Amino acid sequence: MPEELILEMKGISKSFPGVRVFEDFDFDLRKGEIHCICGENGAGKSTLIKMLSGAYTPDKGEIYFDGSKVVLTPHSAMQIGIQTIYQEHTLFPLMNVVENVFAGKEVTRGVVINQSWMVAKAREVLKYLHSNISPYDIVGNLGSGGQKTVEIAKGLIQESKVIILDEPTASFSQTEIEHLLSIIRKLAERGLSVIYISHHIEEVFKIADRVTVIRDGRKINTYVLKGLTEQMLIRDMVGRDVSLFYHREQVPIGEVIFEARDLSGNGVKTASLSVRSGEILGIAGMVGSGRTELAELLFGVKKAATGEFLIKGKKISMRNPLSAILHRMCYITEDRQSTGLFLKHSLDRNIPIASYSRSQSAIVMPADDVRMAQKYVDSLRITTPSVFQQAMLLSGGNQQKVVLAKWFATQADIFIFDEPTRGIDVGAKEEIYRLMEGLLKQGKAIIMISSDMPELISMSDRIMVMRGGSLVAEVQKDEISEENILTYSIGGSV
């Protein structure tokens, strides 16, 4: 294996307000190497990518490229030959392949764009990648695999030296995965260096020269592939201090309240689950596994192609979110600012809004809204000058409490929490957990989707694991562990 380094990071640290993401991190990439990076949700993979692409600047440490110290910005990273291919496509969907691969770097003959040369060059690179895509194909009409090929072609045409691929096979078919992996091998044979970030363990073992495991912003180990086992990887990816785990009060679990059978659609494949009163059913899985897509089906945000819903044993129709609300369900989304709150409106406008659908009156009474808002501000201990404060002016933890207040006001029995404590501090997390415990004591049922492993393990009575749009495992209380959940999530064997 070539030993000459193309990229090196030394002593890298990066913090955001109140959160240290990376600390004293070292990493290197050799010329012509495929270096895979593994780590569970929240390990710091996305932050690492953004530092290498120039989107983030490290607070401390040094980055060297081809032997020279560099300070990366998005422009300078591209100029020296670092191309980042994100999980979400960054192409122009209404433009054709040629226009995309030469965007911003069009070749001219005098003052006229040399279209014929660019088409010929694009065709040559696509042929090299064993792709039957035409230079004239509209990118938006291509599948995920085709669009990823176009992004790689763009990197080759622009003479990149390092290509970073972030979870590149999300939503790919098996044929598309195999084709992409063969392309990546060809890139390395050509002398390009590849950083490949994936939670699909089988892909790592197929293409890696070396593998680095990161956990909580620290490098745990770097391995040469030969001799590495999946048990070694999983062992390195887990292992937190017990102080990170919340100690939840247990309550009696009752009868099944909500059940979904054989759901498919919205990227979900034949999923079945049930949840009981007094129970938290955790939904685990890596980013892109289909957890939020499942929640959207359960709440009627997206219509299921197949399957049925039952509440207390009786079939119900789930046409849309209004149907769900009328059946005493609620959905606390992962992005409270975009989909949970009206940020520019006051609390007395936000808190009553979802309960209007259950009201017997068509007339909104502002005085009643103020009383309701004040009731929940007091009971949930929302820190605010008054109920007339704009939601956007509250802290993250208090914003999340406002979202909860909105749904508590509907008198719901079934709660779907998607990343309930994302972006809030430890103290606010514990308050949210206590509120969830309060719901369980009232006999409510909770489905909780979370990327936070300590949260999943601390709060869940059972955990179902998603992978590739399917529910692949159910982990009972006495079997819940970081290692078991992660193993199922990344396709390993327990």
Protein backbone atom coordinates (compact mmCIF):
# COMPACT_ATOMS: atom_id res chain seq x y z
CA MET A 1 0.00 0.00 0.00
CA PRO A 2 1.32 3.46 -0.82
CA GLU A 3 2.66 5.12 2.31
CA GLU A 4 2.87 8.71 1.05
CA LEU A 5 0.32 10.94 2.77
CA ILE A 6 -2.00 13.21 0.81
CA LEU A 7 -3.95 14.52 3.84
CA GLU A 8 -3.19 14.79 7.54
CA MET A 9 -5.09 16.24 10.51
CA LYS A 10 -3.19 16.84 13.76
CA GLY A 11 -4.65 17.73 17.18
CA ILE A 12 -7.98 18.90 15.79
CA SER A 13 -10.55 20.28 18.24
CA LYS A 14 -13.94 21.78 17.43
CA SER A 15 -16.65 23.12 19.73
CA PHE A 16 -20.06 24.68 19.31
CA PRO A 17 -21.82 26.69 22.03
CA GLY A 18 -21.95 24.39 25.03
CA VAL A 19 -20.84 21.29 23.11
CA ARG A 20 -17.34 19.95 22.40
CA VAL A 21 -17.62 17.86 19.24
CA PHE A 22 -13.96 17.04 18.52
CA GLU A 23 -11.01 16.94 20.84
CA ASP A 24 -7.34 16.30 19.98
CA PHE A 25 -8.26 14.34 16.85
CA ASP A 26 -5.63 12.89 14.50
CA PHE A 27 -6.26 11.38 11.07
CA ASP A 28 -4.29 10.72 7.90
CA LEU A 29 -5.05 9.60 4.36
CA ARG A 30 -2.56 7.97 2.00
CA LYS A 31 -2.35 8.43 -1.75
CA GLY A 32 -4.40 5.83 -3.61
CA GLU A 33 -6.07 4.64 -0.40
CA ILE A 34 -9.68 3.93 0.51
CA HIS A 35 -9.96 4.94 4.17
CA CYS A 36 -13.33 4.16 5.76
CA ILE A 37 -14.60 6.06 8.79
CA CYS A 38 -17.05 4.36 11.13
CA GLY A 39 -18.96 5.68 14.10
CA GLU A 40 -22.52 5.62 15.36
CA ASN A 41 -24.97 8.50 15.13
CA GLY A 42 -23.51 11.57 16.82
CA ALA A 43 -19.92 10.32 16.77
CA GLY A 44 -18.79 13.39 14.83
CA LYS A 45 -18.65 12.10 11.26
CA SER A 46 -20.60 15.02 9.77
CA THR A 47 -18.47 17.59 11.60
CA LEU A 48 -15.32 15.88 10.33
CA ILE A 49 -16.58 16.10 6.74
CA LYS A 50 -17.43 19.76 7.12
CA MET A 51 -13.96 20.56 8.44
CA LEU A 52 -12.34 18.78 5.49
CA SER A 53 -14.68 20.49 3.00
CA GLY A 54 -13.95 23.90 4.55
CA ALA A 55 -17.48 24.50 5.82
CA TYR A 56 -16.20 24.50 9.42
CA THR A 57 -12.87 25.82 10.70
CA PRO A 58 -11.23 23.85 13.55
CA ASP A 59 -10.77 25.75 16.81
CA LYS A 60 -7.41 24.10 17.30
CA GLY A 61 -5.01 21.88 15.35
CA GLU A 62 -3.48 21.74 11.89
CA ILE A 63 -4.42 20.29 8.51
CA TYR A 64 -1.81 19.37 5.91
CA PHE A 65 -2.53 18.64 2.25
CA ASP A 66 0.16 17.13 0.04
CA GLY A 67 2.80 18.12 2.60
CA SER A 68 1.74 21.77 3.00
CA LYS A 69 -0.19 23.29 5.88
CA VAL A 70 -3.58 24.58 4.72
CA VAL A 71 -6.53 26.55 6.07
CA LEU A 72 -9.58 25.18 4.32
CA THR A 73 -12.57 27.09 3.03
CA PRO A 74 -15.16 25.62 0.63
CA HIS A 75 -13.41 27.39 -2.25
CA SER A 76 -9.84 26.51 -1.28
CA ALA A 77 -10.75 22.86 -0.59
CA MET A 78 -12.10 22.53 -4.14
CA GLN A 79 -9.14 24.41 -5.58
CA ILE A 80 -6.54 22.06 -4.08
CA GLY A 81 -8.53 19.00 -5.08
CA ILE A 82 -10.84 17.94 -2.23
CA GLN A 83 -14.33 17.07 -3.41
CA THR A 84 -17.07 16.18 -0.96
CA ILE A 85 -20.02 14.12 -2.14
CA TYR A 86 -22.72 14.40 0.49
CA GLN A 87 -25.50 11.94 1.23
CA GLU A 88 -27.99 14.42 -0.23
CA HIS A 89 -27.35 15.27 -3.87
CA THR A 90 -25.94 18.74 -4.59
CA LEU A 91 -26.56 18.76 -8.33
CA PHE A 92 -28.81 21.00 -10.42
CA PRO A 93 -31.76 18.70 -11.21
CA LEU A 94 -33.08 20.67 -14.21
CA MET A 95 -29.70 20.81 -15.94
CA ASN A 96 -28.13 18.04 -17.99
CA VAL A 97 -25.06 15.98 -17.08
CA VAL A 98 -22.56 18.14 -18.99
CA GLU A 99 -23.89 21.35 -17.47
CA ASN A 100 -23.58 19.82 -14.00
CA VAL A 101 -20.08 18.37 -14.23
CA PHE A 102 -18.66 21.61 -15.67
CA ALA A 103 -20.76 23.99 -13.52
CA GLY A 104 -18.57 26.96 -12.63
CA LYS A 105 -15.66 25.59 -14.67
CA GLU A 106 -16.98 25.77 -18.22
CA VAL A 107 -14.36 25.38 -20.97
CA THR A 108 -14.32 28.16 -23.54
CA ARG A 109 -12.84 28.76 -26.97
CA GLY A 110 -12.26 32.49 -26.87
CA VAL A 111 -15.49 33.91 -25.46
CA VAL A 112 -17.66 30.97 -26.61
CA ILE A 113 -18.32 27.89 -24.46
CA ASN A 114 -16.71 24.85 -26.09
CA GLN A 115 -19.74 22.61 -25.84
CA SER A 116 -18.47 19.83 -28.11
CA TRP A 117 -15.22 19.43 -26.11
CA MET A 118 -17.12 19.29 -22.80
CA VAL A 119 -19.56 16.71 -24.15
CA ALA A 120 -16.68 14.55 -25.43
CA LYS A 121 -14.85 14.81 -22.10
CA ALA A 122 -18.00 13.95 -20.13
CA ARG A 123 -18.64 10.96 -22.38
CA GLU A 124 -15.05 9.78 -21.88
CA VAL A 125 -15.28 9.96 -18.08
CA LEU A 126 -18.70 8.28 -17.98
CA LYS A 127 -17.33 5.46 -20.13
CA TYR A 128 -14.39 5.10 -17.73
CA LEU A 129 -16.93 4.73 -14.91
CA HIS A 130 -18.76 2.02 -16.90
CA SER A 131 -21.89 4.16 -16.96
CA ASN A 132 -24.45 4.24 -19.77
CA ILE A 133 -25.58 7.75 -18.77
CA SER A 134 -25.68 10.22 -21.67
CA PRO A 135 -24.04 13.66 -21.31
CA TYR A 136 -27.40 15.09 -22.39
CA ASP A 137 -29.51 13.31 -19.74
CA ILE A 138 -31.37 15.64 -17.36
CA VAL A 139 -29.94 14.94 -13.91
CA GLY A 140 -33.29 15.12 -12.13
CA ASN A 141 -34.48 12.17 -14.23
CA LEU A 142 -31.64 9.93 -13.03
CA GLY A 143 -31.91 7.60 -10.04
CA SER A 144 -29.86 7.98 -6.88
CA GLY A 145 -27.10 5.76 -8.26
CA GLY A 146 -26.95 7.71 -11.51
CA GLN A 147 -26.76 11.05 -9.72
CA LYS A 148 -23.94 9.78 -7.49
CA THR A 149 -22.07 8.69 -10.64
CA VAL A 150 -22.47 12.20 -12.06
CA GLU A 151 -21.03 13.71 -8.87
CA ILE A 152 -18.03 11.37 -9.10
CA ALA A 153 -17.60 12.23 -12.79
CA LYS A 154 -17.57 15.89 -11.80
CA GLY A 155 -14.73 15.19 -9.38
CA LEU A 156 -12.70 13.36 -12.03
CA ILE A 157 -13.18 16.07 -14.65
CA GLN A 158 -12.19 18.74 -12.15
CA GLU A 159 -9.08 16.66 -11.29
CA SER A 160 -9.82 16.09 -7.62
CA LYS A 161 -7.12 14.34 -5.58
CA VAL A 162 -9.32 13.40 -2.62
CA ILE A 163 -12.96 12.39 -2.82
CA ILE A 164 -15.03 12.22 0.38
CA LEU A 165 -18.20 10.13 0.18
CA ASP A 166 -20.72 10.58 3.00
CA GLU A 167 -23.10 7.62 3.37
CA PRO A 168 -23.19 7.33 -0.44
CA THR A 169 -25.44 4.27 -0.72
CA ALA A 170 -28.44 5.53 1.25
CA SER A 171 -31.61 4.45 -0.62
CA PHE A 172 -29.56 2.53 -3.23
CA SER A 173 -30.56 -0.83 -4.67
CA GLN A 174 -28.07 -3.68 -4.27
CA THR A 175 -27.10 -3.39 -7.94
CA GLU A 176 -26.41 0.35 -7.53
CA ILE A 177 -24.34 -0.35 -4.41
CA GLU A 178 -22.16 -2.90 -6.19
CA HIS A 179 -21.66 -0.54 -9.14
CA LEU A 180 -20.65 2.34 -6.86
CA LEU A 181 -18.19 0.17 -4.94
CA SER A 182 -16.58 -0.94 -8.20
CA ILE A 183 -16.24 2.73 -9.25
CA ILE A 184 -14.58 3.57 -5.93
CA ARG A 185 -12.06 0.75 -6.41
CA LYS A 186 -11.24 2.12 -9.86
CA LEU A 187 -10.69 5.59 -8.40
CA ALA A 188 -8.18 4.21 -5.90
CA GLU A 189 -6.42 2.22 -8.63
CA ARG A 190 -6.09 5.44 -10.58
CA GLY A 191 -4.30 7.00 -7.58
CA LEU A 192 -7.14 9.04 -6.09
CA SER A 193 -7.59 8.94 -2.33
CA VAL A 194 -11.03 8.17 -0.98
CA ILE A 195 -12.55 8.85 2.44
CA TYR A 196 -15.61 6.63 2.66
CA ILE A 197 -18.07 7.19 5.51
CA SER A 198 -20.63 4.47 6.00
CA HIS A 199 -22.57 2.60 8.66
CA HIS A 200 -23.04 -0.37 6.32
CA ILE A 201 -20.49 -2.73 7.74
CA GLU A 202 -20.51 -5.07 4.73
CA GLU A 203 -19.47 -2.19 2.43
CA VAL A 204 -16.57 -1.31 4.73
CA PHE A 205 -15.22 -4.85 4.61
CA LYS A 206 -15.54 -4.94 0.81
CA ILE A 207 -13.53 -1.83 -0.08
CA ALA A 208 -11.47 -0.47 2.84
CA ASP A 209 -7.68 -0.41 2.98
CA ARG A 210 -7.82 1.08 6.47
CA VAL A 211 -10.66 1.82 8.88
CA THR A 212 -10.80 4.54 11.55
CA VAL A 213 -13.40 4.39 14.31
CA ILE A 214 -14.50 7.62 15.97
CA ARG A 215 -16.64 8.00 19.06
CA ASP A 216 -17.76 11.25 20.66
CA GLY A 217 -15.28 13.25 18.55
CA ARG A 218 -12.23 11.16 19.42
CA LYS A 219 -10.28 8.64 17.37
CA ILE A 220 -10.61 5.28 19.07
CA ASN A 221 -8.53 3.17 16.67
CA THR A 222 -7.25 2.93 13.10
CA TYR A 223 -7.00 -0.56 11.63
CA VAL A 224 -5.60 -2.16 8.50
CA LEU A 225 -8.49 -4.23 7.12
CA LYS A 226 -6.64 -7.55 7.29
CA GLY A 227 -7.38 -9.08 10.68
CA LEU A 228 -10.22 -6.66 11.50
CA THR A 229 -13.53 -8.18 12.60
CA GLU A 230 -17.00 -6.66 12.94
CA GLN A 231 -16.90 -7.39 16.68
CA MET A 232 -13.75 -5.25 16.97
CA LEU A 233 -15.46 -2.38 15.12
CA ILE A 234 -18.62 -2.54 17.19
CA ARG A 235 -16.62 -2.73 20.45
CA ASP A 236 -14.85 0.50 19.51
CA MET A 237 -18.04 2.27 18.44
CA VAL A 238 -19.76 1.75 21.81
CA GLY A 239 -18.63 2.06 25.42
CA ARG A 240 -19.82 5.22 27.17
CA ASP A 241 -19.46 6.27 30.77
CA VAL A 242 -22.49 5.18 32.85
CA SER A 243 -22.95 8.78 34.03
CA LEU A 244 -24.38 9.61 30.59
CA PHE A 245 -27.38 7.34 31.16
CA TYR A 246 -30.58 8.68 32.74
CA HIS A 247 -32.18 6.49 35.42
CA ARG A 248 -35.85 6.33 34.52
CA GLU A 249 -38.67 5.48 36.89
CA GLN A 250 -40.49 2.35 35.73
CA VAL A 251 -44.31 2.28 35.58
CA PRO A 252 -46.74 -0.63 35.02
CA ILE A 253 -47.25 -1.50 31.35
CA GLY A 254 -50.83 -2.15 30.27
CA GLU A 255 -52.68 -3.28 27.17
CA VAL A 256 -51.80 -2.55 23.55
CA ILE A 257 -53.10 0.90 22.62
CA PHE A 258 -51.77 1.33 19.09
CA GLU A 259 -50.77 -1.15 16.43
CA ALA A 260 -49.57 -0.87 12.84
CA ARG A 261 -49.48 -3.94 10.60
CA ASP A 262 -47.55 -4.50 7.37
CA LEU A 263 -46.99 -0.82 6.57
CA SER A 264 -45.17 0.06 3.38
CA GLY A 265 -44.62 3.26 1.42
CA ASN A 266 -42.54 6.43 1.88
CA GLY A 267 -39.41 4.26 1.77
CA VAL A 268 -40.68 1.87 4.47
CA LYS A 269 -40.92 -1.85 3.73
CA THR A 270 -43.58 -4.00 5.44
CA ALA A 271 -43.21 -2.68 8.98
CA SER A 272 -45.30 -3.89 11.92
CA LEU A 273 -45.21 -2.63 15.51
CA SER A 274 -47.34 -2.16 18.60
CA VAL A 275 -47.08 -0.05 21.74
CA ARG A 276 -48.79 -0.43 25.12
CA SER A 277 -50.05 2.03 27.71
CA GLY A 278 -47.25 3.01 30.08
CA GLU A 279 -44.62 1.88 27.59
CA ILE A 280 -41.90 3.61 25.60
CA LEU A 281 -41.16 1.77 22.36
CA GLY A 282 -37.79 2.99 21.10
CA ILE A 283 -37.02 3.07 17.39
CA ALA A 284 -33.30 2.80 16.67
CA GLY A 285 -31.33 2.89 13.44
CA MET A 286 -28.61 4.80 11.69
CA VAL A 287 -29.29 8.06 9.84
CA GLY A 288 -31.14 7.20 6.62
CA SER A 289 -32.58 3.93 7.94
CA GLY A 290 -36.18 5.13 7.51
CA ARG A 291 -37.14 6.04 11.09
CA THR A 292 -38.69 9.44 10.33
CA GLU A 293 -40.33 8.00 7.21
CA LEU A 294 -42.00 5.41 9.44
CA ALA A 295 -43.20 8.12 11.84
CA GLU A 296 -44.72 10.03 8.91
CA LEU A 297 -46.73 6.93 7.95
CA LEU A 298 -47.85 6.34 11.53
CA PHE A 299 -49.18 9.90 11.84
CA GLY A 300 -50.67 10.14 8.35
CA VAL A 301 -48.21 12.78 7.12
CA LYS A 302 -47.56 10.39 4.23
CA LYS A 303 -50.15 7.86 3.07
CA ALA A 304 -49.23 4.21 3.43
CA ALA A 305 -49.32 2.12 0.25
CA THR A 306 -50.24 -1.00 2.24
CA GLY A 307 -51.04 -1.89 5.82
CA GLU A 308 -53.55 -1.14 8.53
CA PHE A 309 -53.79 0.72 11.86
CA LEU A 310 -55.55 -0.35 15.04
CA ILE A 311 -56.29 1.56 18.24
CA LYS A 312 -57.31 -0.62 21.19
CA GLY A 313 -57.92 -3.47 18.75
CA LYS A 314 -60.19 -1.57 16.37
CA LYS A 315 -59.17 -0.72 12.82
CA ILE A 316 -59.01 2.97 12.02
CA SER A 317 -58.50 5.06 8.90
CA MET A 318 -55.29 7.12 8.80
CA ARG A 319 -55.86 9.45 5.86
CA ASN A 320 -53.91 12.46 7.15
CA PRO A 321 -52.61 14.10 10.35
CA LEU A 322 -56.13 15.30 11.21
CA SER A 323 -57.24 11.66 11.34
CA ALA A 324 -54.39 10.93 13.72
CA ILE A 325 -55.19 13.89 15.98
CA LEU A 326 -58.87 12.89 16.13
CA HIS A 327 -57.72 9.42 17.23
CA ARG A 328 -55.76 11.03 20.08
CA MET A 329 -52.32 10.77 18.50
CA CYS A 330 -49.62 13.40 18.34
CA TYR A 331 -46.26 13.75 16.61
CA ILE A 332 -43.37 15.76 18.04
CA THR A 333 -41.14 16.15 14.99
CA GLU A 334 -37.33 16.16 15.03
CA ASP A 335 -37.13 19.73 13.70
CA ARG A 336 -39.13 21.80 16.18
CA GLN A 337 -38.21 25.09 14.53
CA SER A 338 -39.35 24.16 11.02
CA THR A 339 -42.28 21.84 11.70
CA GLY A 340 -43.11 22.11 15.40
CA LEU A 341 -43.55 25.83 16.03
CA PHE A 342 -44.67 29.08 14.50
CA LEU A 343 -41.50 30.85 15.58
CA LYS A 344 -42.71 34.41 14.99
CA HIS A 345 -45.92 33.86 16.92
CA SER A 346 -46.45 34.08 20.67
CA LEU A 347 -47.01 31.14 23.00
CA ASP A 348 -50.74 31.86 23.26
CA ARG A 349 -50.90 31.32 19.49
CA ASN A 350 -48.65 28.24 19.42
CA ILE A 351 -49.92 26.17 22.34
CA PRO A 352 -53.67 25.95 21.47
CA ILE A 353 -53.21 25.45 17.72
CA ALA A 354 -53.36 21.63 17.53
CA SER A 355 -56.32 21.41 19.93
CA TYR A 356 -58.53 23.44 17.57
CA SER A 357 -59.13 20.26 15.56
CA ARG A 358 -60.81 18.66 18.58
CA SER A 359 -62.87 21.72 19.50
CA GLN A 360 -66.66 21.58 19.27
CA SER A 361 -66.78 25.29 18.45
CA ALA A 362 -65.85 26.98 15.18
CA ILE A 363 -65.11 30.21 17.07
CA VAL A 364 -61.65 30.90 18.48
CA MET A 365 -61.73 32.72 21.81
CA PRO A 366 -58.43 34.58 22.42
CA ALA A 367 -59.04 34.77 26.17
CA ASP A 368 -59.40 30.97 26.30
CA ASP A 369 -56.16 30.60 24.34
CA VAL A 370 -54.32 32.79 26.82
CA ARG A 371 -55.68 30.76 29.76
CA MET A 372 -54.67 27.50 28.09
CA ALA A 373 -51.19 28.80 27.29
CA GLN A 374 -50.71 30.03 30.85
CA LYS A 375 -51.82 26.67 32.23
CA TYR A 376 -49.12 24.82 30.32
CA VAL A 377 -46.46 27.48 30.88
CA ASP A 378 -47.03 26.92 34.60
CA SER A 379 -47.35 23.12 34.58
CA LEU A 380 -44.38 22.52 32.28
CA ARG A 381 -42.32 25.28 33.89
CA ILE A 382 -41.63 27.02 30.59
CA THR A 383 -39.23 29.89 31.21
CA THR A 384 -40.72 32.94 29.48
CA PRO A 385 -41.60 36.54 30.45
CA SER A 386 -45.22 35.87 29.46
CA VAL A 387 -47.45 33.85 27.14
CA PHE A 388 -47.17 36.75 24.68
CA GLN A 389 -43.48 36.08 24.07
CA GLN A 390 -42.50 34.95 20.56
CA ALA A 391 -41.46 31.29 20.44
CA MET A 392 -38.27 32.19 18.55
CA LEU A 393 -36.97 34.10 21.59
CA LEU A 394 -37.01 31.05 23.90
CA SER A 395 -34.12 28.64 24.54
CA GLY A 396 -34.06 25.28 22.74
CA GLY A 397 -35.28 23.39 25.80
CA ASN A 398 -38.16 25.80 26.36
CA GLN A 399 -39.10 25.67 22.67
CA GLN A 400 -39.34 21.88 23.00
CA LYS A 401 -41.59 22.33 26.03
CA VAL A 402 -43.86 24.59 23.97
CA VAL A 403 -44.13 21.85 21.34
CA LEU A 404 -45.05 19.39 24.09
CA ALA A 405 -47.60 21.82 25.52
CA LYS A 406 -49.20 22.11 22.09
CA TRP A 407 -49.74 18.36 21.98
CA PHE A 408 -50.62 17.91 25.66
CA ALA A 409 -53.48 20.32 25.03
CA THR A 410 -55.02 17.84 22.54
CA GLN A 411 -55.46 15.27 25.34
CA ALA A 412 -53.61 12.70 23.24
CA ASP A 413 -53.07 9.09 24.32
CA ILE A 414 -50.36 8.11 21.82
CA PHE A 415 -47.19 10.19 21.49
CA ILE A 416 -44.65 9.88 18.69
CA PHE A 417 -41.38 11.61 19.65
CA ASP A 418 -38.80 12.03 16.89
CA GLU A 419 -35.44 13.05 18.44
CA PRO A 420 -37.12 14.54 21.55
CA THR A 421 -33.98 16.15 23.03
CA ARG A 422 -31.93 17.05 19.96
CA GLY A 423 -30.08 20.33 20.40
CA ILE A 424 -30.91 20.95 24.05
CA ASP A 425 -28.64 20.89 27.09
CA VAL A 426 -28.36 18.17 29.71
CA GLY A 427 -30.55 19.92 32.27
CA ALA A 428 -33.35 20.49 29.75
CA LYS A 429 -33.03 16.85 28.63
CA GLU A 430 -33.78 15.61 32.12
CA GLU A 431 -36.85 17.85 32.31
CA ILE A 432 -38.14 16.40 29.03
CA TYR A 433 -37.50 12.88 30.34
CA ARG A 434 -39.48 13.64 33.51
CA LEU A 435 -42.37 14.95 31.40
CA MET A 436 -42.30 11.71 29.39
CA GLU A 437 -42.37 9.73 32.65
CA GLY A 438 -45.42 11.78 33.65
CA LEU A 439 -47.18 10.74 30.44
CA LEU A 440 -46.47 7.07 31.18
CA LYS A 441 -47.95 7.41 34.68
CA GLN A 442 -51.15 8.67 33.02
CA GLY A 443 -51.30 5.49 30.92
CA LYS A 444 -50.13 7.13 27.70
CA ALA A 445 -48.09 5.22 25.10
CA ILE A 446 -44.89 6.61 23.58
CA ILE A 447 -43.04 5.74 20.38
CA MET A 448 -39.62 7.37 20.61
CA ILE A 449 -37.21 7.71 17.68
CA SER A 450 -33.73 8.71 18.76
CA SER A 451 -30.15 8.81 17.52
CA ASP A 452 -28.94 9.32 21.09
CA MET A 453 -27.87 5.86 22.30
CA PRO A 454 -27.87 6.70 26.04
CA GLU A 455 -31.38 8.16 25.60
CA LEU A 456 -32.66 5.06 23.80
CA ILE A 457 -31.20 2.70 26.38
CA SER A 458 -32.25 4.77 29.41
CA MET A 459 -35.82 5.49 28.35
CA SER A 460 -37.04 2.52 26.28
CA ASP A 461 -38.94 -0.53 27.53
CA ARG A 462 -38.43 -2.22 24.15
CA ILE A 463 -36.45 -1.19 21.09
CA MET A 464 -37.13 -1.95 17.44
CA VAL A 465 -34.22 -1.44 15.05
CA MET A 466 -34.59 -0.11 11.50
CA ARG A 467 -32.24 -0.67 8.62
CA GLY A 468 -32.80 0.10 4.96
CA GLY A 469 -36.48 0.95 5.50
CA SER A 470 -37.25 -2.30 7.35
CA LEU A 471 -37.72 -3.14 11.01
CA VAL A 472 -35.00 -5.77 11.32
CA ALA A 473 -34.98 -6.60 15.04
CA GLU A 474 -36.91 -6.25 18.27
CA VAL A 475 -34.78 -5.97 21.41
CA GLN A 476 -36.46 -6.76 24.73
CA LYS A 477 -35.65 -4.87 27.94
CA ASP A 478 -33.22 -7.45 29.30
CA GLU A 479 -31.34 -7.57 25.96
CA ILE A 480 -31.00 -3.82 25.45
CA SER A 481 -27.36 -2.78 25.12
CA GLU A 482 -25.34 -0.44 22.94
CA GLU A 483 -23.62 -3.38 21.32
CA ASN A 484 -26.82 -5.24 20.40
CA ILE A 485 -28.55 -2.14 19.02
CA LEU A 486 -25.54 -1.05 16.99
CA THR A 487 -24.95 -4.55 15.65
CA TYR A 488 -28.48 -4.78 14.27
CA SER A 489 -28.31 -1.19 12.99
CA ILE A 490 -25.22 -1.72 10.85
CA GLY A 491 -26.06 -5.21 9.64
CA GLY A 492 -23.76 -7.20 11.88
CA SER A 493 -24.62 -10.51 13.55
CA VAL A 494 -25.50 -10.83 17.24
